[in-house]
Protein backbone atom coordinates (compact mmCIF):
# COMPACT_ATOMS: atom_id res chain seq x y z
CA MET A 1 7.30 6.83 28.52
CA THR A 2 10.49 9.11 28.65
CA GLU A 3 13.15 9.01 25.47
CA GLN A 4 16.59 7.53 25.84
CA ALA A 5 18.72 9.31 24.05
CA GLY A 6 20.37 7.37 21.33
CA ALA A 7 17.59 4.68 22.43
CA PRO A 8 17.13 2.51 18.95
CA PHE A 9 13.84 3.10 17.39
CA LEU A 10 11.15 0.28 16.51
CA TYR A 11 8.25 1.00 14.43
CA VAL A 12 5.33 -1.58 15.07
CA VAL A 13 3.15 -2.18 11.85
CA VAL A 14 -1.16 -3.31 13.47
CA CYS A 15 -2.81 -4.89 11.07
CA ALA A 16 -6.94 -5.89 11.94
CA ALA A 17 -7.18 -8.94 13.28
CA GLY A 18 -8.86 -9.74 16.61
CA ILE A 19 -5.64 -9.98 18.39
CA ALA A 20 -4.21 -6.97 17.64
CA SER A 21 -5.89 -5.68 20.89
CA GLY A 22 -2.67 -7.22 22.66
CA VAL A 23 -0.40 -5.18 20.67
CA GLY A 24 0.31 -3.14 24.49
CA LYS A 25 1.68 -6.16 25.34
CA LEU A 26 4.96 -6.11 22.48
CA VAL A 27 5.35 -2.31 22.77
CA THR A 28 6.31 -2.65 26.67
CA ALA A 29 8.22 -5.69 25.88
CA ALA A 30 10.28 -3.75 23.19
CA GLN A 31 10.52 -0.80 25.97
CA GLU A 32 11.61 -2.85 28.51
CA ARG A 33 14.47 -3.69 25.53
CA GLY A 34 15.68 -0.45 25.06
CA PHE A 35 13.22 0.17 22.40
CA GLU A 36 11.69 3.86 21.97
CA VAL A 37 8.19 2.66 19.61
CA GLY A 38 6.21 3.98 17.80
CA VAL A 39 3.12 2.63 16.11
CA ILE A 40 2.29 2.60 12.63
CA ALA A 41 -1.39 1.49 11.90
CA THR A 42 -3.37 0.23 8.63
CA PRO A 43 -6.42 1.80 8.62
CA ALA A 44 -8.77 -1.07 8.88
CA ALA A 45 -6.79 -1.79 12.56
CA LEU A 46 -8.20 1.77 13.69
CA ASN A 47 -11.90 0.65 13.90
CA GLY A 48 -11.99 -0.49 17.14
CA PHE A 49 -8.85 -3.24 16.95
CA PHE A 50 -6.98 -2.55 19.63
CA ASP A 51 -7.21 0.64 22.18
CA THR A 52 -5.74 3.58 20.31
CA ALA A 53 -6.02 5.82 23.65
CA ALA A 54 -3.66 3.19 25.59
CA VAL A 55 -1.20 2.68 23.05
CA GLU A 56 -0.44 6.27 22.89
CA ALA A 57 0.04 6.50 26.38
CA LEU A 58 2.52 3.63 26.27
CA THR A 59 4.71 4.91 23.66
CA GLY A 60 4.23 9.24 23.99
CA ARG A 61 3.58 9.83 20.39
CA PRO A 62 0.61 9.65 18.28
CA ILE A 63 -0.46 6.72 16.20
CA ARG A 64 0.05 7.57 12.86
CA SER A 65 -1.98 6.04 9.76
CA ALA A 66 -2.66 8.46 7.52
CA TRP A 67 0.14 10.06 5.00
CA ARG A 68 1.85 13.85 6.27
CA THR A 69 1.94 16.43 4.05
CA PRO A 70 5.26 17.70 2.84
CA ALA A 71 5.24 20.30 5.16
CA ASP A 72 4.32 18.46 8.23
CA PRO A 73 7.61 17.98 10.39
CA ARG A 74 8.59 13.93 10.48
CA PRO A 75 6.81 12.88 13.86
CA PHE A 76 9.53 9.95 13.78
CA PRO A 77 12.73 9.33 13.32
CA PRO A 78 14.31 6.77 11.36
CA PRO A 79 13.39 3.25 12.12
CA ASP A 80 16.16 0.65 13.49
CA ALA A 81 14.09 -1.84 13.02
CA VAL A 82 10.55 -3.15 12.42
CA VAL A 83 8.03 -5.46 13.45
CA VAL A 84 4.37 -6.05 11.78
CA ALA A 85 2.07 -8.03 14.57
CA PRO A 86 -0.67 -9.26 13.70
CA ALA A 87 0.52 -9.65 9.71
CA THR A 88 -2.88 -10.71 8.20
CA PHE A 89 -3.46 -11.88 4.89
CA ASN A 90 -4.03 -8.84 3.08
CA THR A 91 -0.97 -6.98 4.37
CA VAL A 92 1.13 -9.46 3.90
CA ASN A 93 0.12 -10.33 0.16
CA LYS A 94 0.38 -6.74 -0.34
CA TRP A 95 4.03 -6.14 1.02
CA ALA A 96 5.18 -8.94 -1.26
CA ALA A 97 3.78 -7.18 -4.03
CA GLY A 98 5.06 -3.63 -3.38
CA LEU A 99 1.65 -1.93 -2.78
CA GLY A 100 2.33 0.70 -0.58
CA ASP A 101 -1.24 1.85 -0.79
CA THR A 102 -1.53 2.41 2.87
CA LEU A 103 1.32 4.33 5.03
CA ALA A 104 1.13 0.60 7.02
CA VAL A 105 2.46 -1.16 3.77
CA ALA A 106 4.37 1.67 2.39
CA THR A 107 6.65 1.85 5.22
CA LEU A 108 7.06 -2.19 4.67
CA CYS A 109 8.15 -2.16 1.41
CA GLU A 110 10.37 0.97 2.65
CA ALA A 111 12.15 -0.93 4.93
CA TYR A 112 14.13 -3.29 2.14
CA GLY A 113 15.62 -0.83 1.02
CA LEU A 114 16.61 1.29 4.40
CA GLY A 115 18.00 -2.65 5.28
CA VAL A 116 16.71 -2.32 8.93
CA PRO A 117 15.70 -5.71 10.11
CA VAL A 118 12.30 -7.04 9.74
CA ALA A 119 10.33 -9.18 11.33
CA ALA A 120 6.21 -10.20 11.31
CA LEU A 121 4.06 -12.04 13.42
CA PRO A 122 1.42 -13.46 10.95
CA CYS A 123 -2.16 -13.58 11.94
CA VAL A 124 -3.85 -15.71 9.26
CA ALA A 125 -6.66 -18.17 9.15
CA ASP A 126 -5.70 -21.88 7.72
CA ALA A 127 -7.96 -21.44 4.37
CA LEU A 128 -6.18 -18.26 3.56
CA ALA A 129 -3.05 -19.65 4.27
CA ALA A 130 -3.36 -22.32 1.64
CA HIS A 131 -3.99 -19.72 -0.63
CA PRO A 132 -1.06 -19.70 -3.74
CA ALA A 133 -0.43 -16.25 -3.29
CA TYR A 134 -0.12 -16.13 0.18
CA GLN A 135 2.67 -18.86 0.17
CA GLU A 136 4.51 -17.11 -2.95
CA SER A 137 4.04 -13.91 -0.89
CA LEU A 138 6.09 -15.54 2.00
CA GLU A 139 8.32 -16.73 -0.05
CA ARG A 140 9.19 -13.43 -0.93
CA LEU A 141 9.42 -11.68 1.81
CA ARG A 142 11.28 -14.75 3.60
CA GLY A 143 14.04 -14.07 0.16
CA MET A 144 13.94 -10.11 1.38
CA GLY A 145 15.16 -10.91 4.75
CA VAL A 146 11.91 -10.42 6.51
CA ARG A 147 12.21 -13.24 9.77
CA PHE A 148 8.47 -14.68 10.27
CA GLY A 149 7.10 -16.22 13.37
CA GLU A 150 5.26 -19.52 13.78
CA PRO A 151 1.62 -18.85 12.04
CA TYR A 152 -1.15 -17.47 14.14
CA THR A 153 -4.65 -18.96 13.29
CA GLY A 154 -6.38 -17.85 17.07
CA GLU A 155 -8.31 -21.19 16.46
CA PRO A 156 -9.35 -23.05 19.65
CA GLN A 157 -7.34 -25.43 21.01
CA GLU A 158 -8.80 -28.76 22.81
CA ASP A 159 -9.38 -27.46 25.60
CA GLY A 160 -11.40 -24.54 24.08
CA ARG A 161 -9.05 -21.97 25.29
CA ARG A 162 -6.93 -19.89 22.22
CA PRO A 163 -3.51 -19.86 22.16
CA GLU A 164 -1.70 -17.41 23.19
CA PHE A 165 -0.26 -14.82 20.65
CA GLY A 166 3.55 -14.87 20.69
CA TRP A 167 4.34 -10.96 21.01
CA GLU A 168 7.79 -10.91 21.99
CA ARG A 169 8.94 -13.35 19.57
CA ALA A 170 9.14 -11.10 16.94
CA LEU A 171 11.57 -8.82 19.49
CA ASP A 172 13.63 -12.63 19.50
CA LEU A 173 13.31 -12.32 15.70
CA LEU A 174 15.31 -9.37 16.33
CA ASP A 175 17.98 -9.87 17.89
CA ARG A 176 18.91 -12.46 14.97
CA ALA A 177 19.69 -9.72 13.14
């Protein structure tokens, strides 16, 4: 990917869910809409949930997951927007509580203070989504201006196939900003 002078910069936060293997679709769609993209993954997401080499080739940038030292240069410019997809139960709850114990969650927490638009595509099983803490977290994050796509459970449909995950929906949610 060649850099576009003055192009808006999108942070894509990827969490550990099976559907994360398709994150390249989001990166490509964002680039087609004129974004430069940097990917930040939860530590668990780096454990085989998506093809990191392919995503790095798409973005032309390393995937971030660990904190940099103060002497290290910032690998990404400040974000113009942030997408978290798939957004898991764990990440949503830690984010809403302000528990920035990983670079990915701290980035989401910081986005609020930066005033940049944030879109999230949850990928949470129905049993977890029923938990009161999760519902409270969604309410808190919506109150902070986070735009949520439809919930995705990954449960098979009547025909046995799994529904498509609407990666591009995250960008549509940002367009509302």
